[in-house]
Structure formats: structure tokens, C-alpha cells
Amino acid sequence: MTGGFERVVVVGASAAGLSAADGLREAGFTGSITVLGAELHQPYDRPTMSKALLVAEEDPQLLELRSPERIEASRIDLRLGHAAAGLDVDRRYVVTTYGEALPWDAVVIACGSRPREMRTLAGEVLPALRTPEDLRVLREAAARYGEMTLIGSGFIGLEVAAALVARGVTVTVLDALPLPLEPVLGTELATHLRDLHTAHGVRFRSAVAVASVTGQPGAYEVRLTDGSVHRAPFVLTGIGAEPAVDWLAGSGIEVAGGIVTDAAGRTNVPGVWAAGDVAAFHHPLLGQRVRVEHWTHAVEQGRHIGLNIARGETTPYQGVPYFWTDQYGMRFQCYGRRRAGDRSLVVEGSLDAGEFLVLFGHAGELHAAFACGRVRSLRDYRKLLARGGTWDEALALAHTNNPALDTTVSCANRKERTTHEAA
């Protein structure tokens, strides 16, 4: 068999898991591929739930990741409703919740993450948005109450806020951060994003944490750390996600903020690989271990690992981190990853105009490019990031695209003295 493997088990019918199966077949693997899906639904596209499906007027239909016909044509044994319950690395079995012991020559762990829970004082788990069942509950609550409180102003929270406002729902966002997504976007872009939401009627209670929640749907009381009490008929949490690794306890797989892998996707156990949200991998471009919770990364890394397994290779995955978010009819996109202390520079358009391209960098390094619109230019910076381009090279590209560029204008349109050394 190609790569010396005859049986591959993929844990997770996710974007990463199915892409790993695609990579295996693409590289000529002819052995068996078994994909375990914890849910009973056909594999579906999760990001659309907080975007188009939430705002849809009619009962929305899930967007399939793979049709049953394509799965059959790829000779994939897809087992829905079968989650992994344990991994025996000595005898090489994946144990399922049905009690099956599936033999493997290689395992790809792509079971993703789960929402971080918040409970009421009575012990009830507050709603989050992760599954189609969660989506149905949220849509019904929006229609019934017309008012919603969101705890957390991350990507999911902000997308949900924008979608609910479009449905005429009154939205309040609570967060311990001073500004939404400030660690990801920096102060100036985060301020711009908050102001965009505020202009559409979203109310923010920022820089104050949730101390406790009591009540039930129809009548919640959220006590904040400043002593105030916020009352709401429905509360949705979006306070981050945790890698789904509990089932690996005692397996010997190294876990530290996710399943630890090298740049190729290999864990510390031979034959076991990990991809997507669940993997904490060493990224050659970033020079550090990271866990990337975005759809494009899951697809690209999953396929890459499938190719590696089938070919018997250990080629590092070096995809540039990428995310996008749709809010109020605008698409924000980012390549790379902003770092603490980065300087931000508007190189095209302006924040006020609602179409712009911003670079992030520090000490001569280019770290990220964030844009609303300006898609063609953004792709140029993706290429530059992929080859480890410098801040000076980014400025040269910026002047090519925009000869009138003033490199003393920051995101906040403040005039500031700039030198390459300070950048």
C-alpha cells in the first residue's frame, strides 16, 4: 500500500477530517478509510451557522461538506453517530462509543473543539452555538423574545450579533475585554469594529466580567463583577473553545493546549497525526506552536496530512493563517497573525470609508495583513507572508499599489513619526 499503510481511521467528520481523507485518495492511497462522526448529521459546514443560516428568514438548510455520493465515490466508510471513546496505541485500536475496536495503521485526529461552558448557579449549561440543534434553539429564541444577550465578543459573538440585528433583535454584548477582539486586531481596528456594531444598535457592556448567572430562558439575571445586574430573556455564550481531547486520557498522546504535533502533523506516538482545531502544531512561518481555529486552515492542513501519510512523507505544513468574518454585509479578511506590540499601518483606503487594508508588523518583520475589500491587494500580501517577507518589502509593495501612500498614518488616522527601525 502507498506509504506502507492499509487502514486509516479518521476521528472527526469535520472539514479537517474529510480533507485528510481527500488527501489520502489524491495521493493514491487505496486502503480503507474509516471516518468517525460524533453527530448524526451528514458532515456540514459549521461557519455558515453564525452567518447566513442564522439570518435566513426561512428554515435554513445545512450546507453539506461532502455529498453522500462523493463520500461513496471516495470509498470512505463514514460512521455517523460514532464518536471515539479511547485510543489504544499499543494494540493500535480506536475504541468507539459503540464499543467497537477499529484497527489502524495510521490515525488522523480531527475531532475539533467544543464551546467553553458557562453554567448558571443551578448548574445548567448556558446555550452556545455549535450544532444545528443549537442553531434551532437560537432562532426560536430570537423569534420568541426579540431580545438577546451575548456573553463574549469573539468572532462567533460578533457574527451572531450582526445576524440577530438583521432579524430585528435587540442585542447586548457583555465582555471582560475593553474592546471586541482587541488581542487579535489591536486597539484601533477593534474600536472600529465596536463602533460598526454600535452604529447598528448593538449595546456593549465592556471591561466587566460575568460573576454569575441565575434563571432560565425567559428570565435570566447576569451579575457582573462591578456589582450590577443585567436582566435578559435569553443568554448565549461565546467565550471560546477547548480542544476535544478528553477521550485521549491515558493514551500517551501529548496534550498541551491541544494535541501537540510537529510541523508535519505527527504526534509523539508513531502513526498518530492531528489536524485542525484540535492540533497544537509547530508553525514554521510563525516560529512557535499554535492552535488555529479557522475553517481554511482545517481544510488545508487536513489535506496536507493526508498527502503526507499516503506518500510516507513528513513535509512541514506552512500555510499562512487565514480567517474571514462576515458582518453587516461586509467581509473582513486576515492573513497572518498580529502579535502584541505590533504597529498597524493603513496602506490602502481608510477605516472611515469602510474599505481598507492594514498591515501589522514590528522590528522589521511583517506579521499580518487585514482588509475589508481590497481582495486583489490582500492576495499580494499573502504571498509575501508565505515567503517570510519583511516590513520593508511590504512597504515597497504598498507604494507600488498606492504611490501616494503616507506611511505616517496609523489605523486611527493619527499622524505619527515613523522610521523603519520603529516599525
Protein backbone atom coordinates (compact mmCIF):
# COMPACT_ATOMS: atom_id res chain seq x y z
CA MET A 1 0.00 0.00 0.00
CA THR A 2 1.04 3.63 -0.58
CA GLY A 3 3.11 4.88 2.35
CA GLY A 4 3.07 1.42 3.96
CA PHE A 5 -0.45 1.88 5.39
CA GLU A 6 -3.51 -0.27 4.73
CA ARG A 7 -6.00 1.05 7.30
CA VAL A 8 -6.51 4.67 8.26
CA VAL A 9 -9.03 5.79 10.87
CA VAL A 10 -10.01 9.48 10.88
CA VAL A 11 -11.55 10.68 14.13
CA GLY A 12 -13.91 13.51 13.19
CA ALA A 13 -16.19 14.00 10.18
CA SER A 14 -15.01 17.60 10.13
CA ALA A 15 -13.53 19.89 7.49
CA ALA A 16 -10.07 18.73 8.60
CA GLY A 17 -11.01 15.06 8.81
CA LEU A 18 -12.69 14.84 5.43
CA SER A 19 -9.88 16.85 3.83
CA ALA A 20 -7.39 14.34 5.27
CA ALA A 21 -9.37 11.58 3.56
CA ASP A 22 -9.29 13.60 0.33
CA GLY A 23 -5.52 13.98 0.61
CA LEU A 24 -5.10 10.24 1.12
CA ARG A 25 -7.04 9.39 -2.02
CA GLU A 26 -5.45 12.21 -4.00
CA ALA A 27 -2.01 10.77 -3.29
CA GLY A 28 -3.07 7.29 -4.43
CA PHE A 29 -3.90 5.59 -1.14
CA THR A 30 -6.04 2.53 -1.94
CA GLY A 31 -6.53 1.11 1.54
CA SER A 32 -9.52 1.51 3.85
CA ILE A 33 -10.51 4.88 5.28
CA THR A 34 -12.94 4.93 8.20
CA VAL A 35 -14.25 8.33 9.32
CA LEU A 36 -15.97 8.61 12.69
CA GLY A 37 -18.58 11.36 13.05
CA ALA A 38 -19.90 12.04 16.55
CA GLU A 39 -23.08 13.68 15.21
CA LEU A 40 -25.88 12.00 13.29
CA HIS A 41 -25.98 14.74 10.66
CA GLN A 42 -24.22 14.35 7.35
CA PRO A 43 -20.96 16.36 7.56
CA TYR A 44 -21.89 20.05 7.34
CA ASP A 45 -20.26 23.45 7.06
CA ARG A 46 -20.18 24.89 10.58
CA PRO A 47 -19.17 28.55 9.88
CA THR A 48 -22.36 29.27 7.93
CA MET A 49 -24.45 28.81 11.08
CA SER A 50 -23.38 32.12 12.63
CA LYS A 51 -23.59 33.84 9.26
CA ALA A 52 -26.16 33.09 6.54
CA LEU A 53 -28.16 30.38 8.35
CA LEU A 54 -28.89 32.48 11.42
CA VAL A 55 -30.10 35.46 9.42
CA ALA A 56 -32.17 33.40 6.92
CA GLU A 57 -35.90 34.04 7.02
CA GLU A 58 -36.98 30.52 6.14
CA ASP A 59 -35.93 27.30 7.86
CA PRO A 60 -32.29 27.09 6.80
CA GLN A 61 -30.71 24.03 5.24
CA LEU A 62 -27.25 22.94 6.31
CA LEU A 63 -24.54 23.19 3.69
CA GLU A 64 -23.02 19.73 3.25
CA LEU A 65 -19.24 19.40 3.36
CA ARG A 66 -19.49 16.28 1.18
CA SER A 67 -22.46 14.74 -0.54
CA PRO A 68 -23.22 11.06 0.20
CA GLU A 69 -22.40 10.35 -3.45
CA ARG A 70 -18.94 11.88 -3.16
CA ILE A 71 -18.24 10.02 0.07
CA GLU A 72 -19.23 6.76 -1.58
CA ALA A 73 -17.14 7.51 -4.67
CA SER A 74 -14.13 8.16 -2.42
CA ARG A 75 -14.68 4.77 -0.77
CA ILE A 76 -14.95 6.30 2.68
CA ASP A 77 -16.61 4.29 5.44
CA LEU A 78 -18.43 7.15 7.18
CA ARG A 79 -19.88 6.14 10.55
CA LEU A 80 -22.25 8.81 11.81
CA GLY A 81 -23.12 8.89 15.49
CA HIS A 82 -19.90 7.03 16.30
CA ALA A 83 -17.53 9.08 18.45
CA ALA A 84 -14.10 7.99 19.58
CA ALA A 85 -14.02 6.91 23.24
CA GLY A 86 -10.40 5.83 23.53
CA LEU A 87 -7.14 5.24 21.70
CA ASP A 88 -5.03 2.12 22.31
CA VAL A 89 -1.61 2.93 20.89
CA ASP A 90 -0.06 -0.42 21.84
CA ARG A 91 -2.57 -2.69 20.13
CA ARG A 92 -3.48 0.02 17.62
CA TYR A 93 -7.21 0.30 18.10
CA VAL A 94 -9.59 3.23 18.14
CA VAL A 95 -12.41 2.40 20.55
CA THR A 96 -15.78 3.96 19.70
CA THR A 97 -18.79 4.86 21.82
CA TYR A 98 -20.44 1.77 20.33
CA GLY A 99 -17.77 -0.41 21.87
CA GLU A 100 -16.07 -1.16 18.56
CA ALA A 101 -12.31 -1.60 18.39
CA LEU A 102 -11.19 -0.35 14.97
CA PRO A 103 -7.68 -1.43 13.91
CA TRP A 104 -5.42 1.18 12.35
CA ASP A 105 -2.07 1.62 10.71
CA ALA A 106 -2.49 5.40 10.91
CA VAL A 107 -4.89 7.64 12.80
CA VAL A 108 -5.78 11.25 11.98
CA ILE A 109 -7.32 13.01 14.96
CA ALA A 110 -9.54 15.79 13.62
CA CYS A 111 -12.33 15.92 16.20
CA GLY A 112 -12.08 19.68 16.59
CA SER A 113 -13.10 21.66 19.64
CA ARG A 114 -16.15 22.28 21.78
CA PRO A 115 -17.51 25.52 23.23
CA ARG A 116 -16.15 26.51 26.62
CA GLU A 117 -19.05 26.10 29.02
CA MET A 118 -20.63 28.62 31.34
CA ARG A 119 -23.22 27.42 33.85
CA THR A 120 -25.91 29.06 35.93
CA LEU A 121 -25.67 28.84 39.71
CA ALA A 122 -28.17 25.97 39.46
CA GLY A 123 -25.71 24.07 37.27
CA GLU A 124 -27.49 24.49 33.94
CA VAL A 125 -25.22 24.90 30.92
CA LEU A 126 -25.97 28.17 29.13
CA PRO A 127 -26.67 27.95 25.39
CA ALA A 128 -23.85 28.24 22.88
CA LEU A 129 -23.78 27.95 19.08
CA ARG A 130 -22.00 24.84 17.81
CA THR A 131 -24.51 22.37 16.35
CA PRO A 132 -27.63 22.53 14.17
CA GLU A 133 -29.67 21.89 17.32
CA ASP A 134 -28.08 24.97 18.91
CA LEU A 135 -28.94 26.98 15.79
CA ARG A 136 -32.59 25.96 16.00
CA VAL A 137 -32.77 26.96 19.68
CA LEU A 138 -31.19 30.33 18.93
CA ARG A 139 -33.51 31.08 16.01
CA GLU A 140 -36.57 30.15 18.07
CA ALA A 141 -35.39 32.31 20.98
CA ALA A 142 -34.77 35.27 18.67
CA ALA A 143 -38.28 34.99 17.26
CA ARG A 144 -39.89 34.49 20.68
CA TYR A 145 -38.13 37.11 22.78
CA GLY A 146 -36.87 39.72 20.29
CA GLU A 147 -34.04 40.43 22.69
CA MET A 148 -30.73 38.64 23.26
CA THR A 149 -27.68 39.00 25.47
CA LEU A 150 -24.37 37.61 24.26
CA ILE A 151 -21.55 36.82 26.68
CA GLY A 152 -18.29 37.17 24.76
CA SER A 153 -17.30 39.37 21.84
CA GLY A 154 -15.18 36.96 19.81
CA PHE A 155 -15.82 36.04 16.19
CA ILE A 156 -18.88 33.92 16.93
CA GLY A 157 -20.38 36.51 19.26
CA LEU A 158 -19.95 39.38 16.81
CA GLU A 159 -21.26 37.40 13.84
CA VAL A 160 -24.28 36.34 15.87
CA ALA A 161 -24.83 39.94 16.96
CA ALA A 162 -24.78 41.17 13.36
CA ALA A 163 -27.11 38.41 12.21
CA LEU A 164 -29.58 38.98 15.05
CA VAL A 165 -29.68 42.72 14.45
CA ALA A 166 -30.57 41.97 10.82
CA ARG A 167 -33.53 39.98 12.19
CA GLY A 168 -34.68 42.97 14.25
CA VAL A 169 -33.47 41.57 17.56
CA THR A 170 -32.20 43.88 20.31
CA VAL A 171 -28.67 42.77 21.22
CA THR A 172 -26.46 43.42 24.23
CA VAL A 173 -22.88 42.14 24.34
CA LEU A 174 -21.09 41.55 27.66
CA ASP A 175 -17.33 41.05 27.75
CA ALA A 176 -14.42 41.37 30.15
CA LEU A 177 -12.31 42.83 27.33
CA PRO A 178 -12.36 46.61 26.86
CA LEU A 179 -12.89 46.14 23.11
CA PRO A 180 -14.09 43.20 20.98
CA LEU A 181 -11.27 41.11 19.51
CA GLU A 182 -8.65 43.57 20.74
CA PRO A 183 -5.94 40.89 21.19
CA VAL A 184 -6.47 39.81 17.58
CA LEU A 185 -6.97 43.18 15.88
CA GLY A 186 -5.28 45.73 18.11
CA THR A 187 -6.94 48.74 19.72
CA GLU A 188 -7.67 50.84 16.65
CA LEU A 189 -9.27 48.15 14.49
CA ALA A 190 -11.14 46.75 17.49
CA THR A 191 -12.53 50.24 18.15
CA HIS A 192 -13.62 50.48 14.53
CA LEU A 193 -15.39 47.13 14.76
CA ARG A 194 -17.14 48.05 18.01
CA ASP A 195 -18.29 51.35 16.52
CA LEU A 196 -19.64 49.49 13.48
CA HIS A 197 -21.79 47.34 15.76
CA THR A 198 -22.84 50.28 17.88
CA ALA A 199 -23.97 52.14 14.75
CA HIS A 200 -26.29 49.20 14.02
CA GLY A 201 -27.78 49.30 17.51
CA VAL A 202 -25.71 46.74 19.42
CA ARG A 203 -25.16 47.71 23.06
CA PHE A 204 -21.85 46.85 24.73
CA ARG A 205 -21.06 46.36 28.41
CA SER A 206 -17.27 46.08 28.19
CA ALA A 207 -14.35 45.72 30.58
CA VAL A 208 -16.54 43.96 33.14
CA ALA A 209 -16.70 40.20 33.69
CA VAL A 210 -19.65 37.95 34.46
CA ALA A 211 -19.67 36.86 38.11
CA SER A 212 -22.71 34.58 37.99
CA VAL A 213 -25.89 33.79 36.09
CA THR A 214 -29.23 32.72 37.51
CA GLY A 215 -32.59 31.96 35.96
CA GLN A 216 -33.77 30.18 32.85
CA PRO A 217 -34.95 31.04 29.32
CA GLY A 218 -37.38 33.92 29.58
CA ALA A 219 -35.82 35.39 32.73
CA TYR A 220 -32.06 35.41 33.28
CA GLU A 221 -30.14 37.58 35.71
CA VAL A 222 -26.47 38.13 34.95
CA ARG A 223 -24.50 39.52 37.88
CA LEU A 224 -21.38 41.41 36.81
CA THR A 225 -18.14 41.95 38.71
CA ASP A 226 -18.90 45.65 39.15
CA GLY A 227 -21.92 44.66 41.27
CA SER A 228 -24.57 45.49 38.67
CA VAL A 229 -27.21 43.04 37.46
CA HIS A 230 -28.16 42.65 33.81
CA ARG A 231 -31.56 41.06 33.07
CA ALA A 232 -32.26 39.30 29.80
CA PRO A 233 -34.83 36.83 28.44
CA PHE A 234 -32.16 34.78 26.67
CA VAL A 235 -28.39 34.46 27.06
CA LEU A 236 -25.96 32.96 24.56
CA THR A 237 -22.33 32.33 25.41
CA GLY A 238 -19.37 32.67 23.08
CA ILE A 239 -16.38 32.54 25.40
CA GLY A 240 -14.01 30.47 23.32
CA ALA A 241 -13.47 26.80 22.59
CA GLU A 242 -11.48 23.93 24.02
CA PRO A 243 -9.88 21.09 22.04
CA ALA A 244 -11.88 17.86 22.33
CA VAL A 245 -9.18 15.69 23.90
CA ASP A 246 -10.81 14.11 26.98
CA TRP A 247 -11.17 10.76 25.20
CA LEU A 248 -7.37 10.56 24.86
CA ALA A 249 -6.76 10.32 28.61
CA GLY A 250 -4.27 7.54 29.32
CA SER A 251 -3.37 7.07 25.65
CA GLY A 252 0.10 8.54 25.90
CA ILE A 253 -0.66 11.24 23.32
CA GLU A 254 0.97 14.51 24.41
CA VAL A 255 -1.59 17.25 25.07
CA ALA A 256 -0.70 20.84 25.93
CA GLY A 257 -3.32 23.36 24.84
CA GLY A 258 -4.26 20.87 22.13
CA ILE A 259 -2.70 17.72 20.70
CA VAL A 260 0.98 18.53 20.32
CA THR A 261 2.38 17.85 16.84
CA ASP A 262 5.38 18.76 14.77
CA ALA A 263 5.10 20.88 11.63
CA ALA A 264 4.21 17.81 9.57
CA GLY A 265 1.26 16.95 11.84
CA ARG A 266 2.81 13.99 13.70
CA THR A 267 2.14 13.45 17.38
CA ASN A 268 4.61 11.89 19.80
CA VAL A 269 3.12 8.44 19.00
CA PRO A 270 4.20 6.92 15.66
CA GLY A 271 1.31 6.60 13.23
CA VAL A 272 -0.90 9.15 15.02
CA TRP A 273 -1.43 12.54 13.41
CA ALA A 274 -3.65 15.52 14.28
CA ALA A 275 -5.21 18.27 12.18
CA GLY A 276 -7.49 21.28 12.52
CA ASP A 277 -8.80 22.91 15.71
CA VAL A 278 -7.61 20.09 17.97
CA ALA A 279 -3.94 20.31 16.94
CA ALA A 280 -1.31 22.50 18.59
CA PHE A 281 1.41 22.36 15.95
CA HIS A 282 4.75 23.99 15.36
CA HIS A 283 4.27 26.54 12.57
CA PRO A 284 7.48 27.19 10.59
CA LEU A 285 6.37 30.66 9.48
CA LEU A 286 5.42 31.82 12.96
CA GLY A 287 8.28 30.05 14.70
CA GLN A 288 6.07 28.83 17.54
CA ARG A 289 3.46 26.30 18.48
CA VAL A 290 -0.06 27.47 17.62
CA ARG A 291 -3.62 26.19 17.53
CA VAL A 292 -5.59 27.66 14.64
CA GLU A 293 -9.40 27.57 14.91
CA HIS A 294 -10.36 28.58 11.39
CA TRP A 295 -12.03 26.72 8.54
CA THR A 296 -9.49 27.35 5.78
CA HIS A 297 -6.65 26.14 7.97
CA ALA A 298 -8.57 22.95 8.83
CA VAL A 299 -9.13 22.17 5.16
CA GLU A 300 -5.57 22.89 4.07
CA GLN A 301 -3.81 21.21 6.97
CA GLY A 302 -6.09 18.16 6.83
CA ARG A 303 -5.37 17.61 3.15
CA HIS A 304 -1.65 18.16 3.73
CA ILE A 305 -1.55 15.47 6.42
CA GLY A 306 -3.47 13.06 4.21
CA LEU A 307 -0.89 13.58 1.48
CA ASN A 308 1.97 13.06 3.96
CA ILE A 309 0.54 9.77 5.22
CA ALA A 310 -0.13 8.38 1.77
CA ARG A 311 3.29 9.35 0.44
CA GLY A 312 5.22 8.33 3.52
CA GLU A 313 6.49 11.90 3.89
CA THR A 314 6.90 14.38 6.73
CA THR A 315 6.67 17.63 4.77
CA PRO A 316 6.01 20.61 7.07
CA TYR A 317 2.70 22.41 6.73
CA GLN A 318 3.41 26.11 6.10
CA GLY A 319 0.05 27.59 5.17
CA VAL A 320 -0.39 31.25 6.07
CA PRO A 321 -3.03 31.53 8.84
CA TYR A 322 -6.24 32.98 7.41
CA PHE A 323 -9.66 33.91 8.69
CA TRP A 324 -12.66 35.79 7.45
CA THR A 325 -15.78 37.10 9.13
CA ASP A 326 -18.99 38.48 7.59
CA GLN A 327 -20.73 41.29 9.45
CA TYR A 328 -23.34 43.77 8.18
CA GLY A 329 -22.78 42.85 4.54
CA MET A 330 -19.02 43.38 4.81
CA ARG A 331 -16.33 40.72 4.71
CA PHE A 332 -13.24 41.20 6.83
CA GLN A 333 -10.26 39.01 5.95
CA CYS A 334 -6.87 38.49 7.53
CA TYR A 335 -3.69 36.66 6.53
CA GLY A 336 -1.03 36.06 9.13
CA ARG A 337 -1.31 36.75 12.84
CA ARG A 338 -0.99 40.05 14.66
CA ARG A 339 1.37 39.98 17.63
CA ALA A 340 1.44 42.02 20.82
CA GLY A 341 3.32 45.27 20.27
CA ASP A 342 2.75 45.33 16.51
CA ARG A 343 2.40 48.63 14.74
CA SER A 344 -0.60 48.97 12.42
CA LEU A 345 -0.48 50.93 9.18
CA VAL A 346 -3.29 51.69 6.72
CA VAL A 347 -1.78 51.21 3.27
CA GLU A 348 -4.96 51.34 1.17
CA GLY A 349 -8.33 53.01 1.65
CA SER A 350 -9.47 54.21 5.06
CA LEU A 351 -11.43 52.92 8.02
CA ASP A 352 -13.97 55.74 7.62
CA ALA A 353 -14.64 54.71 4.02
CA GLY A 354 -15.31 51.11 5.08
CA GLU A 355 -12.78 49.73 2.60
CA PHE A 356 -9.18 49.40 3.70
CA LEU A 357 -6.06 47.31 4.02
CA VAL A 358 -3.98 47.36 7.20
CA LEU A 359 -0.53 45.88 7.78
CA PHE A 360 0.78 44.67 11.14
CA GLY A 361 4.46 44.37 11.94
CA HIS A 362 7.26 45.04 14.38
CA ALA A 363 11.07 45.33 14.37
CA GLY A 364 11.31 44.99 10.62
CA GLU A 365 9.01 41.95 10.46
CA LEU A 366 5.70 41.70 8.61
CA HIS A 367 3.20 39.71 10.67
CA ALA A 368 -0.26 40.16 9.15
CA ALA A 369 -2.48 41.92 6.61
CA PHE A 370 -6.13 42.69 7.45
CA ALA A 371 -8.62 44.05 4.94
CA CYS A 372 -12.21 44.92 4.19
CA GLY A 373 -12.44 44.77 0.41
CA ARG A 374 -9.11 45.22 -1.40
CA VAL A 375 -9.07 41.49 -2.15
CA ARG A 376 -6.55 41.63 -5.00
CA SER A 377 -4.01 43.55 -2.94
CA LEU A 378 -4.57 41.28 0.05
CA ARG A 379 -3.52 38.29 -2.03
CA ASP A 380 -0.22 40.00 -2.79
CA TYR A 381 0.49 40.32 0.92
CA ARG A 382 -0.46 36.68 1.46
CA LYS A 383 2.29 35.72 -0.99
CA LEU A 384 4.72 37.99 0.82
CA LEU A 385 3.82 36.46 4.19
CA ALA A 386 4.17 32.95 2.76
CA ARG A 387 7.79 33.55 1.87
CA GLY A 388 8.65 35.39 5.08
CA GLY A 389 8.76 38.85 3.56
CA THR A 390 9.95 41.82 5.64
CA TRP A 391 8.27 45.07 6.66
CA ASP A 392 10.41 46.96 4.12
CA GLU A 393 9.23 44.64 1.36
CA ALA A 394 5.65 45.19 2.48
CA LEU A 395 6.13 48.95 2.33
CA ALA A 396 7.64 48.65 -1.15
CA LEU A 397 4.62 46.63 -2.28
CA ALA A 398 2.31 49.16 -0.64
CA HIS A 399 3.95 52.03 -2.56
CA THR A 400 3.62 50.07 -5.80
CA ASN A 401 -0.11 49.63 -5.22
CA ASN A 402 -0.57 53.12 -3.80
CA PRO A 403 2.18 55.60 -4.86
CA ALA A 404 0.59 58.35 -2.76
CA LEU A 405 0.84 56.30 0.42
CA ASP A 406 1.63 58.29 3.56
CA THR A 407 3.44 55.89 5.89
CA THR A 408 2.81 58.19 8.87
CA VAL A 409 -0.92 57.40 9.02
CA SER A 410 -1.93 54.74 11.54
CA CYS A 411 -5.25 52.92 11.80
CA ALA A 412 -6.64 55.75 13.89
CA ASN A 413 -5.55 58.24 11.19
CA ARG A 414 -3.19 59.80 13.71
CA LYS A 415 -0.02 61.44 12.43
CA GLU A 416 2.97 59.78 13.98
CA ARG A 417 6.68 59.86 13.31
CA THR A 418 7.73 56.62 11.67
CA THR A 419 11.05 55.00 10.94
CA HIS A 420 11.77 51.54 9.68
CA GLU A 421 13.58 50.84 12.93
CA ALA A 422 10.48 51.71 14.97
CA ALA A 423 8.31 49.65 12.64
